[in-house]
Amino acid sequence: NEEVVARAIFDCPIPIISAVGHEIDISIADLVADRRALTP
């Protein structure tokens, strides 16, 4: 949920899938990533 991680994902030229926590959890990384997964 830290800003430094969110901006690193946003600036990354490679597509990123974020998989943080389980289905009930959502993070800032999930919102910024190109695709969110509910689990790893």
PDB file of all heavy atoms in Angstrom:
ATOM      1  N   ASN A   1       0.817  -1.213   0.000  1.00  0.00           N
ATOM      2  CA  ASN A   1       0.000   0.000   0.000  1.00  0.00           C
ATOM      3  C   ASN A   1       0.852   1.265   0.000  1.00  0.00           C
ATOM      4  O   ASN A   1       0.311   2.372   0.012  1.00  0.00           O
ATOM      5  CB  ASN A   1      -0.926   0.024   1.225  1.00  0.00           C
ATOM      6  CG  ASN A   1      -2.006  -1.034   1.149  1.00  0.00           C
ATOM      7  OD1 ASN A   1      -2.555  -1.297   0.076  1.00  0.00           O
ATOM      8  ND2 ASN A   1      -2.319  -1.656   2.272  1.00  0.00           N
ATOM      9  N   GLU A   2       2.153   1.096  -0.016  1.00  0.00           N
ATOM     10  CA  GLU A   2       3.043   2.252   0.024  1.00  0.00           C
ATOM     11  C   GLU A   2       3.108   2.925  -1.346  1.00  0.00           C
ATOM     12  O   GLU A   2       3.023   2.273  -2.399  1.00  0.00           O
ATOM     13  CB  GLU A   2       4.455   1.828   0.443  1.00  0.00           C
ATOM     14  CG  GLU A   2       4.559   1.296   1.870  1.00  0.00           C
ATOM     15  CD  GLU A   2       4.549   2.404   2.918  1.00  0.00           C
ATOM     16  OE1 GLU A   2       4.418   3.579   2.532  1.00  0.00           O
ATOM     17  OE2 GLU A   2       4.671   2.074   4.109  1.00  0.00           O
ATOM     18  N   GLU A   3       3.280   4.248  -1.314  1.00  0.00           N
ATOM     19  CA  GLU A   3       3.301   5.025  -2.557  1.00  0.00           C
ATOM     20  C   GLU A   3       4.462   4.631  -3.457  1.00  0.00           C
ATOM     21  O   GLU A   3       4.335   4.602  -4.685  1.00  0.00           O
ATOM     22  CB  GLU A   3       3.376   6.521  -2.221  1.00  0.00           C
ATOM     23  CG  GLU A   3       3.321   7.424  -3.439  1.00  0.00           C
ATOM     24  CD  GLU A   3       3.251   8.897  -3.062  1.00  0.00           C
ATOM     25  OE1 GLU A   3       3.253   9.190  -1.839  1.00  0.00           O
ATOM     26  OE2 GLU A   3       3.198   9.734  -3.977  1.00  0.00           O
ATOM     27  N   VAL A   4       5.615   4.297  -2.867  1.00  0.00           N
ATOM     28  CA  VAL A   4       6.781   3.965  -3.675  1.00  0.00           C
ATOM     29  C   VAL A   4       6.527   2.719  -4.525  1.00  0.00           C
ATOM     30  O   VAL A   4       6.975   2.623  -5.683  1.00  0.00           O
ATOM     31  CB  VAL A   4       8.024   3.785  -2.769  1.00  0.00           C
ATOM     32  CG1 VAL A   4       7.851   2.597  -1.820  1.00  0.00           C
ATOM     33  CG2 VAL A   4       9.283   3.613  -3.604  1.00  0.00           C
ATOM     34  N   VAL A   5       5.777   1.761  -3.990  1.00  0.00           N
ATOM     35  CA  VAL A   5       5.447   0.552  -4.749  1.00  0.00           C
ATOM     36  C   VAL A   5       4.448   0.879  -5.855  1.00  0.00           C
ATOM     37  O   VAL A   5       4.580   0.418  -6.997  1.00  0.00           O
ATOM     38  CB  VAL A   5       4.892  -0.537  -3.815  1.00  0.00           C
ATOM     39  CG1 VAL A   5       4.395  -1.733  -4.627  1.00  0.00           C
ATOM     40  CG2 VAL A   5       5.952  -0.984  -2.822  1.00  0.00           C
ATOM     41  N   ALA A   6       3.447   1.701  -5.524  1.00  0.00           N
ATOM     42  CA  ALA A   6       2.434   2.063  -6.521  1.00  0.00           C
ATOM     43  C   ALA A   6       3.075   2.760  -7.713  1.00  0.00           C
ATOM     44  O   ALA A   6       2.761   2.460  -8.872  1.00  0.00           O
ATOM     45  CB  ALA A   6       1.377   2.964  -5.876  1.00  0.00           C
ATOM     46  N   ARG A   7       3.987   3.673  -7.455  1.00  0.00           N
ATOM     47  CA  ARG A   7       4.612   4.409  -8.564  1.00  0.00           C
ATOM     48  C   ARG A   7       5.577   3.513  -9.353  1.00  0.00           C
ATOM     49  O   ARG A   7       5.727   3.682 -10.571  1.00  0.00           O
ATOM     50  CB  ARG A   7       5.318   5.650  -8.037  1.00  0.00           C
ATOM     51  CG  ARG A   7       4.352   6.629  -7.383  1.00  0.00           C
ATOM     52  CD  ARG A   7       4.918   8.023  -7.266  1.00  0.00           C
ATOM     53  NE  ARG A   7       3.953   8.912  -6.633  1.00  0.00           N
ATOM     54  CZ  ARG A   7       2.952   9.513  -7.269  1.00  0.00           C
ATOM     55  NH1 ARG A   7       2.779   9.296  -8.578  1.00  0.00           N
ATOM     56  NH2 ARG A   7       2.122  10.311  -6.641  1.00  0.00           N
ATOM     57  N   ALA A   8       6.231   2.568  -8.679  1.00  0.00           N
ATOM     58  CA  ALA A   8       7.100   1.634  -9.406  1.00  0.00           C
ATOM     59  C   ALA A   8       6.283   0.767 -10.362  1.00  0.00           C
ATOM     60  O   ALA A   8       6.700   0.513 -11.499  1.00  0.00           O
ATOM     61  CB  ALA A   8       7.869   0.767  -8.419  1.00  0.00           C
ATOM     62  N   ILE A   9       5.106   0.326  -9.929  1.00  0.00           N
ATOM     63  CA  ILE A   9       4.226  -0.466 -10.800  1.00  0.00           C
ATOM     64  C   ILE A   9       3.728   0.383 -11.964  1.00  0.00           C
ATOM     65  O   ILE A   9       3.712  -0.054 -13.121  1.00  0.00           O
ATOM     66  CB  ILE A   9       3.038  -1.031  -9.992  1.00  0.00           C
ATOM     67  CG1 ILE A   9       3.530  -2.049  -8.955  1.00  0.00           C
ATOM     68  CG2 ILE A   9       2.002  -1.661 -10.909  1.00  0.00           C
ATOM     69  CD1 ILE A   9       2.445  -2.562  -8.033  1.00  0.00           C
ATOM     70  N   PHE A  10       3.329   1.604 -11.684  1.00  0.00           N
ATOM     71  CA  PHE A  10       2.789   2.483 -12.726  1.00  0.00           C
ATOM     72  C   PHE A  10       3.846   2.811 -13.775  1.00  0.00           C
ATOM     73  O   PHE A  10       3.552   2.893 -14.977  1.00  0.00           O
ATOM     74  CB  PHE A  10       2.257   3.768 -12.095  1.00  0.00           C
ATOM     75  CG  PHE A  10       1.604   4.707 -13.077  1.00  0.00           C
ATOM     76  CD1 PHE A  10       0.313   4.475 -13.519  1.00  0.00           C
ATOM     77  CD2 PHE A  10       2.288   5.811 -13.563  1.00  0.00           C
ATOM     78  CE1 PHE A  10      -0.287   5.337 -14.431  1.00  0.00           C
ATOM     79  CE2 PHE A  10       1.694   6.677 -14.469  1.00  0.00           C
ATOM     80  CZ  PHE A  10       0.406   6.437 -14.902  1.00  0.00           C
ATOM     81  N   ASP A  11       5.083   2.997 -13.344  1.00  0.00           N
ATOM     82  CA  ASP A  11       6.165   3.382 -14.267  1.00  0.00           C
ATOM     83  C   ASP A  11       6.791   2.198 -14.987  1.00  0.00           C
ATOM     84  O   ASP A  11       7.606   2.392 -15.886  1.00  0.00           O
ATOM     85  CB  ASP A  11       7.261   4.138 -13.504  1.00  0.00           C
ATOM     86  CG  ASP A  11       6.770   5.471 -12.949  1.00  0.00           C
ATOM     87  OD1 ASP A  11       5.815   6.027 -13.517  1.00  0.00           O
ATOM     88  OD2 ASP A  11       7.339   5.945 -11.940  1.00  0.00           O
ATOM     89  N   CYS A  12       6.433   0.986 -14.604  1.00  0.00           N
ATOM     90  CA  CYS A  12       7.065  -0.194 -15.187  1.00  0.00           C
ATOM     91  C   CYS A  12       6.592  -0.397 -16.632  1.00  0.00           C
ATOM     92  O   CYS A  12       5.381  -0.415 -16.902  1.00  0.00           O
ATOM     93  CB  CYS A  12       6.736  -1.437 -14.355  1.00  0.00           C
ATOM     94  SG  CYS A  12       7.549  -2.933 -14.968  1.00  0.00           S
ATOM     95  N   PRO A  13       7.515  -0.568 -17.576  1.00  0.00           N
ATOM     96  CA  PRO A  13       7.111  -0.777 -18.977  1.00  0.00           C
ATOM     97  C   PRO A  13       6.626  -2.196 -19.269  1.00  0.00           C
ATOM     98  O   PRO A  13       6.069  -2.443 -20.334  1.00  0.00           O
ATOM     99  CB  PRO A  13       8.401  -0.480 -19.750  1.00  0.00           C
ATOM    100  CG  PRO A  13       9.501  -0.825 -18.797  1.00  0.00           C
ATOM    101  CD  PRO A  13       8.990  -0.485 -17.426  1.00  0.00           C
ATOM    102  N   ILE A  14       6.830  -3.118 -18.321  1.00  0.00           N
ATOM    103  CA  ILE A  14       6.423  -4.515 -18.499  1.00  0.00           C
ATOM    104  C   ILE A  14       5.078  -4.723 -17.797  1.00  0.00           C
ATOM    105  O   ILE A  14       4.874  -4.233 -16.686  1.00  0.00           O
ATOM    106  CB  ILE A  14       7.474  -5.477 -17.917  1.00  0.00           C
ATOM    107  CG1 ILE A  14       8.865  -5.169 -18.492  1.00  0.00           C
ATOM    108  CG2 ILE A  14       7.086  -6.920 -18.216  1.00  0.00           C
ATOM    109  CD1 ILE A  14       8.968  -5.314 -19.980  1.00  0.00           C
ATOM    110  N   PRO A  15       4.136  -5.434 -18.413  1.00  0.00           N
ATOM    111  CA  PRO A  15       2.846  -5.699 -17.754  1.00  0.00           C
ATOM    112  C   PRO A  15       3.032  -6.410 -16.412  1.00  0.00           C
ATOM    113  O   PRO A  15       3.840  -7.340 -16.303  1.00  0.00           O
ATOM    114  CB  PRO A  15       2.102  -6.589 -18.758  1.00  0.00           C
ATOM    115  CG  PRO A  15       2.738  -6.276 -20.073  1.00  0.00           C
ATOM    116  CD  PRO A  15       4.176  -5.976 -19.785  1.00  0.00           C
ATOM    117  N   ILE A  16       2.285  -5.966 -15.390  1.00  0.00           N
ATOM    118  CA  ILE A  16       2.426  -6.492 -14.033  1.00  0.00           C
ATOM    119  C   ILE A  16       1.086  -7.051 -13.555  1.00  0.00           C
ATOM    120  O   ILE A  16       0.036  -6.406 -13.705  1.00  0.00           O
ATOM    121  CB  ILE A  16       2.921  -5.404 -13.060  1.00  0.00           C
ATOM    122  CG1 ILE A  16       4.349  -4.972 -13.423  1.00  0.00           C
ATOM    123  CG2 ILE A  16       2.877  -5.899 -11.613  1.00  0.00           C
ATOM    124  CD1 ILE A  16       4.927  -3.942 -12.484  1.00  0.00           C
ATOM    125  N   ILE A  17       1.162  -8.233 -12.971  1.00  0.00           N
ATOM    126  CA  ILE A  17       0.008  -8.826 -12.282  1.00  0.00           C
ATOM    127  C   ILE A  17       0.271  -8.711 -10.791  1.00  0.00           C
ATOM    128  O   ILE A  17       1.324  -9.117 -10.303  1.00  0.00           O
ATOM    129  CB  ILE A  17      -0.184 -10.297 -12.677  1.00  0.00           C
ATOM    130  CG1 ILE A  17      -0.379 -10.437 -14.181  1.00  0.00           C
ATOM    131  CG2 ILE A  17      -1.373 -10.900 -11.926  1.00  0.00           C
ATOM    132  CD1 ILE A  17      -0.453 -11.876 -14.660  1.00  0.00           C
ATOM    133  N   SER A  18      -0.696  -8.160 -10.060  1.00  0.00           N
ATOM    134  CA  SER A  18      -0.568  -8.012  -8.611  1.00  0.00           C
ATOM    135  C   SER A  18      -1.395  -9.090  -7.921  1.00  0.00           C
ATOM    136  O   SER A  18      -2.569  -9.278  -8.242  1.00  0.00           O
ATOM    137  CB  SER A  18      -1.035  -6.619  -8.171  1.00  0.00           C
ATOM    138  OG  SER A  18      -1.026  -6.514  -6.761  1.00  0.00           O
ATOM    139  N   ALA A  19      -0.771  -9.786  -6.996  1.00  0.00           N
ATOM    140  CA  ALA A  19      -1.466 -10.843  -6.247  1.00  0.00           C
ATOM    141  C   ALA A  19      -1.117 -10.674  -4.774  1.00  0.00           C
ATOM    142  O   ALA A  19      -0.153 -11.254  -4.281  1.00  0.00           O
ATOM    143  CB  ALA A  19      -1.048 -12.213  -6.754  1.00  0.00           C
ATOM    144  N   VAL A  20      -1.907  -9.867  -4.088  1.00  0.00           N
ATOM    145  CA  VAL A  20      -1.623  -9.542  -2.688  1.00  0.00           C
ATOM    146  C   VAL A  20      -2.762 -10.061  -1.831  1.00  0.00           C
ATOM    147  O   VAL A  20      -3.899  -9.618  -1.952  1.00  0.00           O
ATOM    148  CB  VAL A  20      -1.464  -8.021  -2.488  1.00  0.00           C
ATOM    149  CG1 VAL A  20      -1.143  -7.720  -1.026  1.00  0.00           C
ATOM    150  CG2 VAL A  20      -0.373  -7.484  -3.396  1.00  0.00           C
ATOM    151  N   GLY A  21      -2.464 -10.995  -0.925  1.00  0.00           N
ATOM    152  CA  GLY A  21      -3.459 -11.462   0.028  1.00  0.00           C
ATOM    153  C   GLY A  21      -4.434 -12.432  -0.593  1.00  0.00           C
ATOM    154  O   GLY A  21      -4.172 -13.079  -1.606  1.00  0.00           O
ATOM    155  N   HIS A  22      -5.610 -12.520   0.021  1.00  0.00           N
ATOM    156  CA  HIS A  22      -6.658 -13.418  -0.439  1.00  0.00           C
ATOM    157  C   HIS A  22      -7.793 -12.600  -1.035  1.00  0.00           C
ATOM    158  O   HIS A  22      -7.681 -11.392  -1.219  1.00  0.00           O
ATOM    159  CB  HIS A  22      -7.151 -14.293   0.723  1.00  0.00           C
ATOM    160  CG  HIS A  22      -6.059 -15.192   1.257  1.00  0.00           C
ATOM    161  ND1 HIS A  22      -5.499 -16.191   0.496  1.00  0.00           N
ATOM    162  CD2 HIS A  22      -5.418 -15.222   2.461  1.00  0.00           C
ATOM    163  CE1 HIS A  22      -4.572 -16.815   1.211  1.00  0.00           C
ATOM    164  NE2 HIS A  22      -4.495 -16.242   2.404  1.00  0.00           N
ATOM    165  N   GLU A  23      -8.887 -13.251  -1.333  1.00  0.00           N
ATOM    166  CA  GLU A  23      -9.974 -12.615  -2.073  1.00  0.00           C
ATOM    167  C   GLU A  23     -10.522 -11.370  -1.379  1.00  0.00           C
ATOM    168  O   GLU A  23     -10.912 -10.413  -2.032  1.00  0.00           O
ATOM    169  CB  GLU A  23     -11.114 -13.615  -2.285  1.00  0.00           C
ATOM    170  CG  GLU A  23     -10.702 -14.803  -3.148  1.00  0.00           C
ATOM    171  CD  GLU A  23     -11.864 -15.741  -3.388  1.00  0.00           C
ATOM    172  OE1 GLU A  23     -13.004 -15.335  -3.107  1.00  0.00           O
ATOM    173  OE2 GLU A  23     -11.638 -16.865  -3.852  1.00  0.00           O
ATOM    174  N   ILE A  24     -10.569 -11.364  -0.062  1.00  0.00           N
ATOM    175  CA  ILE A  24     -11.195 -10.242   0.645  1.00  0.00           C
ATOM    176  C   ILE A  24     -10.261  -9.053   0.760  1.00  0.00           C
ATOM    177  O   ILE A  24     -10.682  -7.967   1.153  1.00  0.00           O
ATOM    178  CB  ILE A  24     -11.668 -10.679   2.053  1.00  0.00           C
ATOM    179  CG1 ILE A  24     -10.462 -11.161   2.889  1.00  0.00           C
ATOM    180  CG2 ILE A  24     -12.733 -11.750   1.960  1.00  0.00           C
ATOM    181  CD1 ILE A  24     -10.828 -11.450   4.339  1.00  0.00           C
ATOM    182  N   ASP A  25      -8.981  -9.257   0.453  1.00  0.00           N
ATOM    183  CA  ASP A  25      -8.007  -8.178   0.590  1.00  0.00           C
ATOM    184  C   ASP A  25      -7.829  -7.457  -0.741  1.00  0.00           C
ATOM    185  O   ASP A  25      -7.862  -8.067  -1.798  1.00  0.00           O
ATOM    186  CB  ASP A  25      -6.649  -8.738   1.040  1.00  0.00           C
ATOM    187  CG  ASP A  25      -6.739  -9.472   2.363  1.00  0.00           C
ATOM    188  OD1 ASP A  25      -7.403  -8.932   3.262  1.00  0.00           O
ATOM    189  OD2 ASP A  25      -6.169 -10.567   2.474  1.00  0.00           O
ATOM    190  N   ILE A  26      -7.631  -6.160  -0.671  1.00  0.00           N
ATOM    191  CA  ILE A  26      -7.298  -5.375  -1.857  1.00  0.00           C
ATOM    192  C   ILE A  26      -6.265  -4.336  -1.435  1.00  0.00           C
ATOM    193  O   ILE A  26      -6.351  -3.766  -0.331  1.00  0.00           O
ATOM    194  CB  ILE A  26      -8.539  -4.702  -2.479  1.00  0.00           C
ATOM    195  CG1 ILE A  26      -8.155  -4.047  -3.809  1.00  0.00           C
ATOM    196  CG2 ILE A  26      -9.156  -3.703  -1.531  1.00  0.00           C
ATOM    197  CD1 ILE A  26      -9.366  -3.603  -4.605  1.00  0.00           C
ATOM    198  N   SER A  27      -5.295  -4.127  -2.279  1.00  0.00           N
ATOM    199  CA  SER A  27      -4.203  -3.219  -1.947  1.00  0.00           C
ATOM    200  C   SER A  27      -4.089  -2.143  -3.016  1.00  0.00           C
ATOM    201  O   SER A  27      -4.693  -2.232  -4.087  1.00  0.00           O
ATOM    202  CB  SER A  27      -2.879  -3.990  -1.836  1.00  0.00           C
ATOM    203  OG  SER A  27      -2.520  -4.519  -3.105  1.00  0.00           O
ATOM    204  N   ILE A  28      -3.297  -1.130  -2.702  1.00  0.00           N
ATOM    205  CA  ILE A  28      -3.012  -0.089  -3.686  1.00  0.00           C
ATOM    206  C   ILE A  28      -2.311  -0.700  -4.895  1.00  0.00           C
ATOM    207  O   ILE A  28      -2.570  -0.326  -6.042  1.00  0.00           O
ATOM    208  CB  ILE A  28      -2.138   1.014  -3.058  1.00  0.00           C
ATOM    209  CG1 ILE A  28      -2.897   1.716  -1.905  1.00  0.00           C
ATOM    210  CG2 ILE A  28      -1.725   2.039  -4.108  1.00  0.00           C
ATOM    211  CD1 ILE A  28      -4.142   2.455  -2.337  1.00  0.00           C
ATOM    212  N   ALA A  29      -1.423  -1.670  -4.656  1.00  0.00           N
ATOM    213  CA  ALA A  29      -0.742  -2.340  -5.769  1.00  0.00           C
ATOM    214  C   ALA A  29      -1.741  -3.014  -6.701  1.00  0.00           C
ATOM    215  O   ALA A  29      -1.570  -3.002  -7.923  1.00  0.00           O
ATOM    216  CB  ALA A  29       0.256  -3.366  -5.227  1.00  0.00           C
ATOM    217  N   ASP A  30      -2.803  -3.614  -6.129  1.00  0.00           N
ATOM    218  CA  ASP A  30      -3.834  -4.242  -6.958  1.00  0.00           C
ATOM    219  C   ASP A  30      -4.506  -3.221  -7.874  1.00  0.00           C
ATOM    220  O   ASP A  30      -4.821  -3.513  -9.028  1.00  0.00           O
ATOM    221  CB  ASP A  30      -4.897  -4.907  -6.079  1.00  0.00           C
ATOM    222  CG  ASP A  30      -4.352  -6.098  -5.305  1.00  0.00           C
ATOM    223  OD1 ASP A  30      -3.397  -6.712  -5.796  1.00  0.00           O
ATOM    224  OD2 ASP A  30      -4.868  -6.385  -4.216  1.00  0.00           O
ATOM    225  N   LEU A  31      -4.741  -2.028  -7.357  1.00  0.00           N
ATOM    226  CA  LEU A  31      -5.450  -1.003  -8.116  1.00  0.00           C
ATOM    227  C   LEU A  31      -4.590  -0.420  -9.234  1.00  0.00           C
ATOM    228  O   LEU A  31      -5.101  -0.043 -10.286  1.00  0.00           O
ATOM    229  CB  LEU A  31      -5.917   0.116  -7.178  1.00  0.00           C
ATOM    230  CG  LEU A  31      -6.884  -0.307  -6.066  1.00  0.00           C
ATOM    231  CD1 LEU A  31      -7.170   0.868  -5.136  1.00  0.00           C
ATOM    232  CD2 LEU A  31      -8.185  -0.821  -6.660  1.00  0.00           C
ATOM    233  N   VAL A  32      -3.280  -0.345  -9.024  1.00  0.00           N
ATOM    234  CA  VAL A  32      -2.386   0.245 -10.019  1.00  0.00           C
ATOM    235  C   VAL A  32      -1.973  -0.778 -11.076  1.00  0.00           C
ATOM    236  O   VAL A  32      -1.765  -0.424 -12.236  1.00  0.00           O
ATOM    237  CB  VAL A  32      -1.131   0.844  -9.345  1.00  0.00           C
ATOM    238  CG1 VAL A  32      -0.237   1.520 -10.374  1.00  0.00           C
ATOM    239  CG2 VAL A  32      -1.534   1.848  -8.282  1.00  0.00           C
ATOM    240  N   ALA A  33      -1.872  -2.042 -10.687  1.00  0.00           N
ATOM    241  CA  ALA A  33      -1.331  -3.072 -11.584  1.00  0.00           C
ATOM    242  C   ALA A  33      -2.182  -3.218 -12.840  1.00  0.00           C
ATOM    243  O   ALA A  33      -3.361  -2.849 -12.873  1.00  0.00           O
ATOM    244  CB  ALA A  33      -1.247  -4.407 -10.846  1.00  0.00           C
ATOM    245  N   ASP A  34      -1.581  -3.789 -13.880  1.00  0.00           N
ATOM    246  CA  ASP A  34      -2.290  -4.015 -15.133  1.00  0.00           C
ATOM    247  C   ASP A  34      -3.362  -5.090 -14.991  1.00  0.00           C
ATOM    248  O   ASP A  34      -4.349  -5.084 -15.723  1.00  0.00           O
ATOM    249  CB  ASP A  34      -1.294  -4.407 -16.227  1.00  0.00           C
ATOM    250  CG  ASP A  34      -0.251  -3.328 -16.452  1.00  0.00           C
ATOM    251  OD1 ASP A  34      -0.622  -2.229 -16.879  1.00  0.00           O
ATOM    252  OD2 ASP A  34       0.940  -3.577 -16.173  1.00  0.00           O
ATOM    253  N   ARG A  35      -3.180  -6.006 -14.044  1.00  0.00           N
ATOM    254  CA  ARG A  35      -4.175  -7.044 -13.799  1.00  0.00           C
ATOM    255  C   ARG A  35      -4.099  -7.433 -12.337  1.00  0.00           C
ATOM    256  O   ARG A  35      -3.017  -7.544 -11.770  1.00  0.00           O
ATOM    257  CB  ARG A  35      -3.890  -8.259 -14.696  1.00  0.00           C
ATOM    258  CG  ARG A  35      -4.964  -9.345 -14.667  1.00  0.00           C
ATOM    259  CD  ARG A  35      -6.208  -8.917 -15.415  1.00  0.00           C
ATOM    260  NE  ARG A  35      -7.240  -9.944 -15.365  1.00  0.00           N
ATOM    261  CZ  ARG A  35      -7.358 -10.917 -16.263  1.00  0.00           C
ATOM    262  NH1 ARG A  35      -6.501 -10.999 -17.277  1.00  0.00           N
ATOM    263  NH2 ARG A  35      -8.339 -11.803 -16.172  1.00  0.00           N
ATOM    264  N   ARG A  36      -5.244  -7.619 -11.699  1.00  0.00           N
ATOM    265  CA  ARG A  36      -5.270  -8.020 -10.301  1.00  0.00           C
ATOM    266  C   ARG A  36      -5.693  -9.476 -10.204  1.00  0.00           C
ATOM    267  O   ARG A  36      -6.636  -9.916 -10.867  1.00  0.00           O
ATOM    268  CB  ARG A  36      -6.253  -7.161  -9.506  1.00  0.00           C
ATOM    269  CG  ARG A  36      -6.261  -7.542  -8.018  1.00  0.00           C
ATOM    270  CD  ARG A  36      -7.587  -7.302  -7.361  1.00  0.00           C
ATOM    271  NE  ARG A  36      -7.619  -7.859  -6.018  1.00  0.00           N
ATOM    272  CZ  ARG A  36      -8.710  -8.016  -5.292  1.00  0.00           C
ATOM    273  NH1 ARG A  36      -9.875  -7.664  -5.779  1.00  0.00           N
ATOM    274  NH2 ARG A  36      -8.652  -8.535  -4.086  1.00  0.00           N
ATOM    275  N   ALA A  37      -4.979 -10.230  -9.398  1.00  0.00           N
ATOM    276  CA  ALA A  37      -5.346 -11.614  -9.114  1.00  0.00           C
ATOM    277  C   ALA A  37      -5.768 -11.709  -7.658  1.00  0.00           C
ATOM    278  O   ALA A  37      -5.221 -11.031  -6.784  1.00  0.00           O
ATOM    279  CB  ALA A  37      -4.172 -12.549  -9.382  1.00  0.00           C
ATOM    280  N   LEU A  38      -6.740 -12.565  -7.383  1.00  0.00           N
ATOM    281  CA  LEU A  38      -7.238 -12.693  -6.018  1.00  0.00           C
ATOM    282  C   LEU A  38      -6.232 -13.411  -5.122  1.00  0.00           C
ATOM    283  O   LEU A  38      -6.171 -13.145  -3.925  1.00  0.00           O
ATOM    284  CB  LEU A  38      -8.569 -13.439  -6.026  1.00  0.00           C
ATOM    285  CG  LEU A  38      -9.698 -12.772  -6.823  1.00  0.00           C
ATOM    286  CD1 LEU A  38     -10.968 -13.610  -6.762  1.00  0.00           C
ATOM    287  CD2 LEU A  38      -9.967 -11.363  -6.309  1.00  0.00           C
ATOM    288  N   THR A  39      -5.449 -14.304  -5.696  1.00  0.00           N
ATOM    289  CA  THR A  39      -4.441 -15.051  -4.938  1.00  0.00           C
ATOM    290  C   THR A  39      -3.201 -15.208  -5.812  1.00  0.00           C
ATOM    291  O   THR A  39      -3.270 -15.081  -7.040  1.00  0.00           O
ATOM    292  CB  THR A  39      -4.961 -16.448  -4.550  1.00  0.00           C
ATOM    293  OG1 THR A  39      -5.200 -17.196  -5.747  1.00  0.00           O
ATOM    294  CG2 THR A  39      -6.247 -16.346  -3.741  1.00  0.00           C
ATOM    295  N   PRO A  40      -2.050 -15.534  -5.220  1.00  0.00           N
ATOM    296  CA  PRO A  40      -0.862 -15.814  -6.039  1.00  0.00           C
ATOM    297  C   PRO A  40      -1.077 -16.955  -7.027  1.00  0.00           C
ATOM    298  O   PRO A  40      -0.576 -16.903  -8.154  1.00  0.00           O
ATOM    299  CB  PRO A  40       0.201 -16.158  -4.996  1.00  0.00           C
ATOM    300  CG  PRO A  40      -0.221 -15.407  -3.767  1.00  0.00           C
ATOM    301  CD  PRO A  40      -1.714 -15.457  -3.776  1.00  0.00           C
TER     302      PRO A  40
END
